[in-house]
Amino acid sequence: MLKQQLNFKLSQKLSPQQIQLMKLIQLPTQAFEQRLKQEMEENPALDSGKEKSEEYEDTFSNENSNEEDYGTEKIDTEINVDEYLSDDEIPSYRLSSNNYSADDEDKNVPYASGTSFHQHLVNQLNTYRFDGEEREIAEFLVGSIDESGYIRRAVSDILDDLAFTQNVYTSEDKIESVLKIVHQLDPAGVGARNLQECLLIQLDRKETTIPIKLASLILEKSFDHFSKKHYDKLLTKFDITEDLLKEAIEEIENLNPKPGGAYAGNNKMIEHVVPDFTIRITEGELELTLNGRNAPELHVSREYNNMLQGYKASKEKSRSQKDAVMFIKQKLDAAKWFIEAVKQRQQTLFLTMSAIMHYQKSYFLSGDERNLKPMILKDIADEIDMDVSTVSRVANSKYVDTPYGTKLIKEFFSESMTNDQGEEVSTREIKKILEITIGEEDKKKPLTDEKLAKILKEKGYPIARRTVAKYREQLDIPVARLRKKI
């Protein structure tokens, strides 16, 4: 049985303008500039830069004619031309923000040029004598080197690939002999198949001394003991003094475990962080500025205003003119919405960062991470009366230039824990104290997670051993055994 009924319900939907604003807010400075460039390319009614606004006479009556006859055809339009002409009469200071530094100008960033890491290695092959087959093997081996400088494939796999892809039929012994030549390339250690081989190749290039000989012997015969820092077993096995072992270990620690990463001309993208905000301390007070690149001067194109003026002045309006004005109207609406979204983006960014700055005032004045207060997104959202998602968009991708370096804004947010005094403290504060405690430990007898938990408890931070382990891993600090030094 079919029946019809009428239901009322409330629903909340985002308008296209709100969606556009949310997307703009989450963009960092460089991405925002790209988005701005794209919008200006797509919408000819949008223009940037300083331009004198012109006064237009308001003598044209509203064009709200719903019906105009052109022959036998009727055209429906609702165009108020004065509404669009008046847009450009808004003073320029209304369309820009004054909370950014005048010194923030768009500087060109120089990019370094050079050959790739792979090409650097191929160029070196030209200094060696190879027959035709050896040359193909050498180039194939160099092509198998990853960005860290390693060949992470078995010789048998390389043998098969040479046969199937290069039509080169050779032997494993031949590949091994060519690989020894590849090991002579710079940077030292390149082409190694594992860390042990990489370090040994680098030691072979060094001047032969007693510590170097011992270091090579340790890596060759007792790599497992060395990697696990079983120094007592090394002392017993090689019957050496503690001082000599210390010298040998220092030689190994000075080697490069990732020779490919040391090459400055590799193909990795160079990332430049452009701070969205700057915080400075002026006479003991914090001063916040928004990067000028986030606050472009946008206005409606003069040419589009001239088009409207021409339509306004014409006595007889043809269908083609009507169509042109409808197109102009759409572009003007889009330009107006975008300009408004950019203005709201500036206000939202500045308002959010200002609230964060004042919330963490003690940290920004001192630079000591132990002064960071517990702060979650909701704290700032309540402070500025905005949604948590809006604050999240600002915090996740924006950077602030402080007297203590350029920081990602989301790093200032942290959960809270209660100390033995019943006060809420930031987990960042506890991590900083944990980091300092580990830094001050006796490296011959590093503190275990259990001992660290006991020390933190004595300092007024009662946290479990597993929590200490979690914080230690987040700080990228290894376990006690691997922190041991002789």
Protein backbone atom coordinates (compact mmCIF):
# COMPACT_ATOMS: atom_id res chain seq x y z
CA MET A 1 0.00 0.00 0.00
CA LEU A 2 1.40 3.37 -1.01
CA LYS A 3 0.82 6.50 1.00
CA GLN A 4 2.17 10.02 1.07
CA GLN A 5 3.09 11.94 4.17
CA LEU A 6 4.72 15.25 4.98
CA ASN A 7 7.68 15.29 7.37
CA PHE A 8 9.54 18.23 8.85
CA LYS A 9 13.18 17.86 9.79
CA LEU A 10 16.08 20.16 10.60
CA SER A 11 19.35 19.62 8.80
CA GLN A 12 22.54 21.59 8.56
CA LYS A 13 24.27 21.90 5.21
CA LEU A 14 27.42 23.78 4.28
CA SER A 15 27.08 26.33 1.51
CA PRO A 16 29.62 26.30 -1.35
CA GLN A 17 31.14 29.46 0.16
CA GLN A 18 31.63 27.80 3.56
CA ILE A 19 33.25 24.77 1.92
CA GLN A 20 35.53 27.11 -0.03
CA LEU A 21 36.50 28.89 3.20
CA MET A 22 37.27 25.63 5.03
CA LYS A 23 39.49 24.51 2.17
CA LEU A 24 41.35 27.83 2.18
CA ILE A 25 41.88 27.81 5.94
CA GLN A 26 43.67 24.47 5.95
CA LEU A 27 46.16 25.54 3.25
CA PRO A 28 49.67 26.59 4.36
CA THR A 29 51.19 29.73 2.83
CA GLN A 30 52.78 28.21 -0.27
CA ALA A 31 49.73 26.07 -1.10
CA PHE A 32 47.49 29.12 -0.55
CA GLU A 33 49.55 31.10 -3.05
CA GLN A 34 49.11 28.31 -5.62
CA ARG A 35 45.35 28.25 -4.96
CA LEU A 36 45.21 32.03 -5.37
CA LYS A 37 47.10 31.80 -8.66
CA GLN A 38 44.72 29.09 -9.89
CA GLU A 39 41.64 31.13 -8.97
CA MET A 40 42.95 34.20 -10.77
CA GLU A 41 43.67 32.13 -13.89
CA GLU A 42 40.16 30.66 -13.84
CA ASN A 43 38.30 33.88 -13.00
CA PRO A 44 39.27 36.92 -15.11
CA ALA A 45 37.05 39.14 -12.92
CA LEU A 46 39.50 38.68 -10.02
CA ASP A 47 42.58 40.87 -9.93
CA SER A 48 45.39 41.49 -7.47
CA GLY A 49 47.73 44.35 -6.60
CA LYS A 50 47.07 47.96 -5.76
CA GLU A 51 44.62 49.76 -7.98
CA LYS A 52 42.79 53.08 -7.59
CA SER A 53 39.10 52.58 -7.24
CA GLU A 54 37.05 54.75 -9.52
CA GLU A 55 33.89 56.60 -8.60
CA TYR A 56 30.97 55.81 -10.89
CA GLU A 57 27.86 57.92 -11.20
CA ASP A 58 24.87 56.27 -9.66
CA THR A 59 22.43 57.53 -12.28
CA PHE A 60 21.55 54.17 -13.83
CA SER A 61 18.22 52.77 -12.76
CA ASN A 62 18.04 49.16 -11.58
CA GLU A 63 17.95 46.70 -14.45
CA ASN A 64 15.23 44.47 -13.05
CA SER A 65 13.25 44.15 -16.23
CA ASN A 66 11.82 40.69 -16.24
CA GLU A 67 10.67 40.76 -19.82
CA GLU A 68 12.14 42.46 -22.86
CA ASP A 69 11.04 41.72 -26.37
CA TYR A 70 13.62 41.14 -29.04
CA GLY A 71 11.56 40.11 -32.04
CA THR A 72 9.33 37.29 -30.86
CA GLU A 73 11.73 36.04 -28.12
CA LYS A 74 11.48 36.88 -24.42
CA ILE A 75 14.58 37.04 -22.19
CA ASP A 76 14.35 36.78 -18.39
CA THR A 77 17.07 38.53 -16.42
CA GLU A 78 17.52 39.98 -12.96
CA ILE A 79 20.60 42.15 -13.06
CA ASN A 80 21.37 45.03 -10.75
CA VAL A 81 24.43 46.50 -12.44
CA ASP A 82 24.94 49.18 -9.78
CA GLU A 83 25.35 46.43 -7.17
CA TYR A 84 28.46 45.23 -8.99
CA LEU A 85 29.79 48.63 -9.98
CA SER A 86 29.70 49.72 -6.35
CA ASP A 87 31.90 46.80 -5.30
CA ASP A 88 34.99 48.59 -6.50
CA GLU A 89 34.11 51.66 -4.45
CA ILE A 90 35.00 49.81 -1.25
CA PRO A 91 38.18 51.42 0.14
CA SER A 92 41.29 49.27 -0.29
CA TYR A 93 41.86 49.13 3.48
CA ARG A 94 38.57 47.24 3.79
CA LEU A 95 39.88 44.53 1.47
CA SER A 96 43.22 43.95 3.20
CA SER A 97 44.47 43.17 6.67
CA ASN A 98 46.95 45.21 8.66
CA ASN A 99 48.07 42.43 11.00
CA TYR A 100 51.06 41.34 8.92
CA SER A 101 54.52 42.73 8.60
CA ALA A 102 55.23 45.23 5.85
CA ASP A 103 58.67 43.64 5.51
CA ASP A 104 57.12 40.34 4.39
CA GLU A 105 57.62 40.48 0.66
CA ASP A 106 57.58 37.71 -1.87
CA LYS A 107 61.25 36.87 -2.27
CA ASN A 108 62.42 34.48 -4.94
CA VAL A 109 63.91 31.35 -3.40
CA PRO A 110 67.04 30.15 -5.22
CA TYR A 111 67.15 26.46 -6.06
CA ALA A 112 70.36 24.48 -6.28
CA SER A 113 70.98 22.69 -9.54
CA GLY A 114 73.20 19.70 -10.23
CA THR A 115 73.36 16.11 -11.40
CA SER A 116 71.35 13.36 -9.76
CA PHE A 117 72.89 10.85 -7.38
CA HIS A 118 72.56 8.13 -10.01
CA GLN A 119 74.18 10.25 -12.72
CA HIS A 120 76.99 11.17 -10.30
CA LEU A 121 77.82 7.46 -9.96
CA VAL A 122 77.53 6.76 -13.72
CA ASN A 123 79.94 9.63 -14.43
CA GLN A 124 82.50 8.00 -12.15
CA LEU A 125 82.22 4.72 -14.06
CA ASN A 126 83.69 6.55 -17.07
CA THR A 127 87.05 6.69 -15.27
CA TYR A 128 87.35 2.87 -15.17
CA ARG A 129 88.24 0.44 -17.96
CA PHE A 130 85.45 -2.04 -18.76
CA ASP A 131 84.74 -4.38 -21.60
CA GLY A 132 81.23 -4.26 -23.11
CA GLU A 133 79.69 -6.82 -20.75
CA GLU A 134 81.33 -5.38 -17.63
CA ARG A 135 80.08 -1.91 -18.52
CA GLU A 136 76.48 -3.13 -18.77
CA ILE A 137 76.80 -4.98 -15.45
CA ALA A 138 78.33 -1.92 -13.76
CA GLU A 139 75.56 0.39 -15.01
CA PHE A 140 72.92 -2.11 -13.95
CA LEU A 141 74.46 -2.33 -10.44
CA VAL A 142 74.58 1.46 -10.16
CA GLY A 143 70.95 1.60 -11.27
CA SER A 144 70.07 -0.84 -8.48
CA ILE A 145 71.47 1.45 -5.77
CA ASP A 146 68.74 3.03 -3.65
CA GLU A 147 68.70 6.58 -2.25
CA SER A 148 70.53 5.46 0.91
CA GLY A 149 73.40 4.08 -1.19
CA TYR A 150 72.65 0.35 -0.81
CA ILE A 151 72.04 -2.52 -3.23
CA ARG A 152 69.35 -4.41 -1.36
CA ARG A 153 69.15 -7.38 -3.73
CA ALA A 154 70.84 -10.77 -3.85
CA VAL A 155 73.47 -11.36 -6.56
CA SER A 156 71.36 -14.28 -7.87
CA ASP A 157 68.40 -11.93 -8.43
CA ILE A 158 70.64 -9.43 -10.24
CA LEU A 159 71.95 -12.29 -12.42
CA ASP A 160 68.40 -13.22 -13.46
CA ASP A 161 67.41 -9.61 -14.13
CA LEU A 162 70.45 -9.03 -16.31
CA ALA A 163 69.49 -12.03 -18.43
CA PHE A 164 65.79 -11.18 -18.75
CA THR A 165 65.90 -7.38 -19.06
CA GLN A 166 69.35 -6.62 -20.51
CA ASN A 167 69.98 -9.84 -22.44
CA VAL A 168 73.32 -10.17 -20.60
CA TYR A 169 74.23 -13.74 -19.66
CA THR A 170 77.03 -13.77 -17.12
CA SER A 171 78.02 -15.44 -13.83
CA GLU A 172 77.74 -14.52 -10.15
CA ASP A 173 81.56 -14.36 -9.91
CA LYS A 174 81.64 -11.78 -12.71
CA ILE A 175 78.98 -9.69 -10.97
CA GLU A 176 80.93 -9.89 -7.69
CA SER A 177 84.12 -8.69 -9.40
CA VAL A 178 82.34 -5.72 -11.01
CA LEU A 179 80.64 -4.96 -7.68
CA LYS A 180 84.07 -4.55 -6.07
CA ILE A 181 84.77 -1.78 -8.59
CA VAL A 182 81.41 -0.15 -7.77
CA HIS A 183 82.49 -0.20 -4.10
CA GLN A 184 85.37 2.09 -5.09
CA LEU A 185 82.99 4.86 -6.15
CA ASP A 186 82.29 7.93 -4.03
CA PRO A 187 80.77 8.46 -1.54
CA ALA A 188 82.59 5.71 0.37
CA GLY A 189 80.36 2.75 1.21
CA VAL A 190 78.07 3.12 -1.79
CA GLY A 191 76.88 -0.16 -3.36
CA ALA A 192 77.06 -2.12 -0.11
CA ARG A 193 74.48 -4.85 0.42
CA ASN A 194 74.14 -4.36 4.18
CA LEU A 195 75.32 -2.10 6.99
CA GLN A 196 78.22 -4.37 7.93
CA GLU A 197 79.64 -4.30 4.40
CA CYS A 198 79.03 -0.53 4.12
CA LEU A 199 81.08 0.22 7.25
CA LEU A 200 83.88 -2.17 6.27
CA ILE A 201 84.19 -0.50 2.84
CA GLN A 202 84.58 2.89 4.53
CA LEU A 203 87.19 1.58 6.98
CA ASP A 204 89.22 0.11 4.09
CA ARG A 205 89.60 3.65 2.69
CA LYS A 206 91.06 4.98 5.94
CA GLU A 207 94.70 5.08 6.97
CA THR A 208 95.69 1.80 8.60
CA THR A 209 96.12 2.34 12.35
CA ILE A 210 95.67 0.05 15.35
CA PRO A 211 92.15 1.39 16.18
CA ILE A 212 91.15 1.09 12.49
CA LYS A 213 92.45 -2.51 12.31
CA LEU A 214 90.57 -3.37 15.50
CA ALA A 215 87.41 -1.68 14.23
CA SER A 216 87.55 -3.74 11.01
CA LEU A 217 88.12 -6.92 13.01
CA ILE A 218 85.17 -6.18 15.30
CA LEU A 219 82.83 -5.52 12.36
CA GLU A 220 84.04 -8.60 10.48
CA LYS A 221 84.15 -11.12 13.33
CA SER A 222 81.78 -9.77 16.02
CA PHE A 223 79.28 -7.49 14.31
CA ASP A 224 76.42 -8.94 16.38
CA HIS A 225 78.17 -8.22 19.70
CA PHE A 226 78.98 -4.69 18.51
CA SER A 227 75.43 -3.91 17.34
CA LYS A 228 74.02 -5.11 20.66
CA LYS A 229 76.73 -3.19 22.58
CA HIS A 230 78.02 -6.24 24.42
CA TYR A 231 81.30 -4.50 25.21
CA ASP A 232 82.36 -6.97 27.92
CA LYS A 233 82.27 -9.81 25.38
CA LEU A 234 84.35 -7.77 22.92
CA LEU A 235 86.97 -7.02 25.59
CA THR A 236 87.24 -10.71 26.43
CA LYS A 237 87.21 -12.01 22.84
CA PHE A 238 89.91 -9.69 21.50
CA ASP A 239 91.86 -9.39 24.78
CA ILE A 240 92.18 -5.62 24.53
CA THR A 241 92.08 -2.67 26.91
CA GLU A 242 88.96 -0.58 27.44
CA ASP A 243 90.69 2.52 26.04
CA LEU A 244 91.61 0.75 22.79
CA LEU A 245 88.06 -0.56 22.40
CA LYS A 246 86.76 2.97 22.98
CA GLU A 247 89.02 4.32 20.19
CA ALA A 248 87.89 1.59 17.78
CA ILE A 249 84.20 2.27 18.54
CA GLU A 250 84.73 6.01 18.00
CA GLU A 251 86.16 5.23 14.55
CA ILE A 252 83.06 3.17 13.70
CA GLU A 253 80.66 5.81 15.05
CA ASN A 254 82.27 8.42 12.77
CA LEU A 255 81.35 6.39 9.66
CA ASN A 256 78.28 7.15 7.54
CA PRO A 257 75.61 4.41 7.69
CA LYS A 258 73.75 6.01 4.73
CA PRO A 259 76.33 7.11 2.16
CA GLY A 260 73.67 8.02 -0.42
CA GLY A 261 72.11 10.55 1.92
CA ALA A 262 75.35 12.52 2.09
CA TYR A 263 75.25 13.42 -1.60
CA ALA A 264 73.94 16.98 -1.93
CA GLY A 265 72.95 16.63 -5.58
CA ASN A 266 70.39 13.84 -5.21
CA ASN A 267 66.89 14.02 -6.66
CA LYS A 268 65.06 14.64 -3.42
CA MET A 269 62.73 17.61 -3.32
CA ILE A 270 64.06 20.52 -1.30
CA GLU A 271 61.35 21.55 1.13
CA HIS A 272 61.11 25.16 2.26
CA VAL A 273 58.95 25.92 5.26
CA VAL A 274 57.31 29.34 5.00
CA PRO A 275 56.04 30.45 8.44
CA ASP A 276 52.43 31.64 8.41
CA PHE A 277 52.95 33.74 11.55
CA THR A 278 55.76 35.48 13.37
CA ILE A 279 55.95 35.96 17.13
CA ARG A 280 58.42 38.49 18.52
CA ILE A 281 59.08 39.72 22.04
CA THR A 282 58.98 43.52 22.20
CA GLU A 283 59.69 45.13 25.57
CA GLY A 284 58.61 42.01 27.41
CA GLU A 285 55.35 41.65 25.47
CA LEU A 286 54.46 39.19 22.72
CA GLU A 287 53.79 40.57 19.26
CA LEU A 288 52.02 38.47 16.60
CA THR A 289 52.07 39.19 12.87
CA LEU A 290 50.54 37.30 9.95
CA ASN A 291 52.80 36.61 6.99
CA GLY A 292 52.01 39.21 4.30
CA ARG A 293 51.85 36.46 1.69
CA ASN A 294 48.64 35.30 3.40
CA ALA A 295 47.02 38.69 2.91
CA PRO A 296 47.01 39.59 -0.79
CA GLU A 297 45.27 42.71 -2.09
CA LEU A 298 42.37 41.46 -4.18
CA HIS A 299 39.79 43.45 -6.07
CA VAL A 300 37.41 43.22 -9.00
CA SER A 301 39.08 43.67 -12.37
CA ARG A 302 38.86 47.22 -13.81
CA GLU A 303 38.11 45.79 -17.25
CA TYR A 304 35.04 44.01 -15.97
CA ASN A 305 33.80 47.24 -14.42
CA ASN A 306 34.34 48.96 -17.78
CA MET A 307 32.26 46.26 -19.47
CA LEU A 308 29.41 46.88 -17.04
CA GLN A 309 29.76 50.63 -17.51
CA GLY A 310 29.44 50.16 -21.28
CA TYR A 311 26.33 48.02 -20.84
CA LYS A 312 24.93 50.61 -18.42
CA ALA A 313 25.49 53.45 -20.90
CA SER A 314 24.05 51.70 -23.97
CA LYS A 315 20.47 52.64 -24.82
CA GLU A 316 19.59 49.55 -26.79
CA LYS A 317 20.56 46.24 -25.20
CA SER A 318 20.89 43.29 -27.54
CA ARG A 319 20.61 39.64 -26.62
CA SER A 320 24.40 39.16 -26.95
CA GLN A 321 24.92 42.02 -24.49
CA LYS A 322 22.47 40.38 -22.08
CA ASP A 323 24.36 37.07 -22.34
CA ALA A 324 27.68 38.83 -21.77
CA VAL A 325 26.35 40.58 -18.67
CA MET A 326 25.01 37.30 -17.28
CA PHE A 327 28.50 35.81 -17.71
CA ILE A 328 30.06 38.85 -16.05
CA LYS A 329 27.57 38.56 -13.18
CA GLN A 330 28.62 34.95 -12.53
CA LYS A 331 32.32 35.84 -12.56
CA LEU A 332 31.76 38.86 -10.32
CA ASP A 333 29.83 36.72 -7.82
CA ALA A 334 32.66 34.17 -7.78
CA ALA A 335 35.26 36.92 -7.36
CA LYS A 336 33.28 38.53 -4.54
CA TRP A 337 32.88 35.19 -2.73
CA PHE A 338 36.58 34.42 -3.09
CA ILE A 339 37.68 37.86 -1.82
CA GLU A 340 35.37 37.45 1.18
CA ALA A 341 36.71 33.92 1.83
CA VAL A 342 40.31 35.19 1.76
CA LYS A 343 39.42 37.96 4.22
CA GLN A 344 37.74 35.47 6.54
CA ARG A 345 40.75 33.17 6.23
CA GLN A 346 43.06 35.98 7.39
CA GLN A 347 40.80 36.79 10.34
CA THR A 348 40.44 33.13 11.35
CA LEU A 349 44.18 32.46 11.18
CA PHE A 350 45.09 35.54 13.17
CA LEU A 351 42.35 35.02 15.77
CA THR A 352 43.29 31.37 16.31
CA MET A 353 47.02 31.96 16.57
CA SER A 354 46.49 34.94 18.86
CA ALA A 355 44.47 32.74 21.24
CA ILE A 356 47.19 30.04 21.16
CA MET A 357 49.90 32.64 21.81
CA HIS A 358 48.15 34.07 24.85
CA TYR A 359 47.27 30.59 26.16
CA GLN A 360 50.95 29.57 25.99
CA LYS A 361 52.33 33.01 26.94
CA SER A 362 54.79 31.64 29.51
CA TYR A 363 56.32 29.32 26.91
CA PHE A 364 56.66 31.98 24.19
CA LEU A 365 58.35 34.34 26.67
CA SER A 366 60.82 31.73 27.93
CA GLY A 367 61.22 29.13 25.19
CA ASP A 368 61.27 26.37 27.83
CA GLU A 369 59.02 23.48 26.78
CA ARG A 370 58.46 22.69 30.45
CA ASN A 371 56.35 25.85 30.54
CA LEU A 372 53.90 24.51 27.93
CA LYS A 373 50.45 24.27 29.47
CA PRO A 374 48.14 21.35 28.70
CA MET A 375 46.09 22.50 25.71
CA ILE A 376 43.64 20.68 23.46
CA LEU A 377 41.78 21.91 20.38
CA LYS A 378 38.59 22.45 22.36
CA ASP A 379 40.35 24.91 24.71
CA ILE A 380 41.14 27.24 21.80
CA ALA A 381 37.81 26.59 20.04
CA ASP A 382 35.93 27.68 23.19
CA GLU A 383 38.19 30.70 23.56
CA ILE A 384 37.49 32.06 20.06
CA ASP A 385 33.96 30.65 19.78
CA MET A 386 34.69 28.54 16.72
CA ASP A 387 34.35 24.89 15.84
CA VAL A 388 37.07 22.40 16.86
CA SER A 389 37.49 21.38 13.21
CA THR A 390 38.37 24.97 12.28
CA VAL A 391 41.10 25.13 14.93
CA SER A 392 42.36 21.76 13.76
CA ARG A 393 42.65 23.03 10.17
CA VAL A 394 44.73 25.97 11.36
CA ALA A 395 46.97 23.92 13.67
CA ASN A 396 47.72 20.92 11.45
CA SER A 397 49.47 22.61 8.57
CA LYS A 398 50.66 26.03 9.77
CA TYR A 399 54.04 27.13 11.09
CA VAL A 400 55.00 30.01 13.36
CA ASP A 401 58.38 31.72 13.46
CA THR A 402 59.35 32.22 17.11
CA PRO A 403 62.52 33.49 18.80
CA TYR A 404 63.30 29.80 19.42
CA GLY A 405 62.91 28.56 15.84
CA THR A 406 60.12 27.77 13.40
CA LYS A 407 57.53 25.49 15.01
CA LEU A 408 54.54 23.53 13.74
CA ILE A 409 51.51 24.92 15.58
CA LYS A 410 50.04 21.53 16.43
CA GLU A 411 53.16 20.84 18.54
CA PHE A 412 51.84 23.28 21.14
CA PHE A 413 48.85 21.03 21.79
CA SER A 414 49.19 18.25 24.34
CA GLU A 415 47.11 16.20 26.72
CA SER A 416 47.27 16.78 30.46
CA MET A 417 48.35 14.57 33.34
CA THR A 418 48.02 15.13 37.05
CA ASN A 419 51.17 15.37 39.17
CA ASP A 420 51.46 14.41 42.83
CA GLN A 421 50.32 17.90 43.83
CA GLY A 422 47.03 17.39 41.99
CA GLU A 423 47.98 19.97 39.32
CA GLU A 424 47.44 19.38 35.62
CA VAL A 425 50.70 19.34 33.68
CA SER A 426 51.38 18.94 29.97
CA THR A 427 52.64 15.62 28.63
CA ARG A 428 55.17 17.71 26.68
CA GLU A 429 56.56 18.90 30.02
CA ILE A 430 56.97 15.31 31.19
CA LYS A 431 58.67 14.33 27.92
CA LYS A 432 61.10 17.24 28.28
CA ILE A 433 62.00 16.20 31.82
CA LEU A 434 62.40 12.59 30.64
CA GLU A 435 64.70 13.77 27.85
CA ILE A 436 66.81 15.81 30.29
CA THR A 437 67.01 12.87 32.74
CA ILE A 438 68.24 10.51 30.00
CA GLY A 439 70.71 13.15 28.81
CA GLU A 440 72.23 13.40 32.29
CA GLU A 441 72.47 9.63 32.92
CA ASP A 442 75.72 7.69 33.23
CA LYS A 443 76.15 6.24 29.74
CA LYS A 444 78.15 3.33 31.11
CA LYS A 445 75.06 2.31 33.08
CA PRO A 446 72.02 3.74 31.26
CA LEU A 447 68.74 3.97 33.15
CA THR A 448 66.11 1.35 32.36
CA ASP A 449 62.49 2.37 31.81
CA GLU A 450 61.66 1.09 35.30
CA LYS A 451 64.36 3.28 36.90
CA LEU A 452 63.25 6.26 34.80
CA ALA A 453 59.66 5.79 36.01
CA LYS A 454 60.95 5.76 39.61
CA ILE A 455 62.97 8.97 39.07
CA LEU A 456 59.98 10.74 37.47
CA LYS A 457 57.81 9.66 40.39
CA GLU A 458 60.34 11.18 42.80
CA LYS A 459 60.15 14.41 40.78
CA GLY A 460 56.39 14.50 41.20
CA TYR A 461 55.22 12.77 38.01
CA PRO A 462 53.69 9.37 38.90
CA ILE A 463 53.58 7.57 35.55
CA ALA A 464 53.82 3.88 34.75
CA ARG A 465 56.84 2.15 33.17
CA ARG A 466 54.90 1.45 29.97
CA THR A 467 54.10 5.18 29.70
CA VAL A 468 57.80 5.99 30.07
CA ALA A 469 58.54 3.51 27.26
CA LYS A 470 55.88 5.15 25.06
CA TYR A 471 57.24 8.67 25.65
CA ARG A 472 60.83 7.47 25.10
CA GLU A 473 59.87 5.96 21.73
CA GLN A 474 58.04 9.17 20.74
CA LEU A 475 61.25 11.08 21.53
CA ASP A 476 63.14 8.59 19.30
CA ILE A 477 65.40 7.50 22.19
CA PRO A 478 66.57 3.84 22.12
CA VAL A 479 66.33 1.39 25.03
CA ALA A 480 68.92 1.46 27.82
CA ARG A 481 71.08 -1.30 26.30
CA LEU A 482 71.54 0.63 23.05
CA ARG A 483 72.36 3.87 24.89
CA LYS A 484 75.33 2.25 26.58
CA LYS A 485 78.77 3.75 25.95
CA ILE A 486 82.13 2.50 27.08
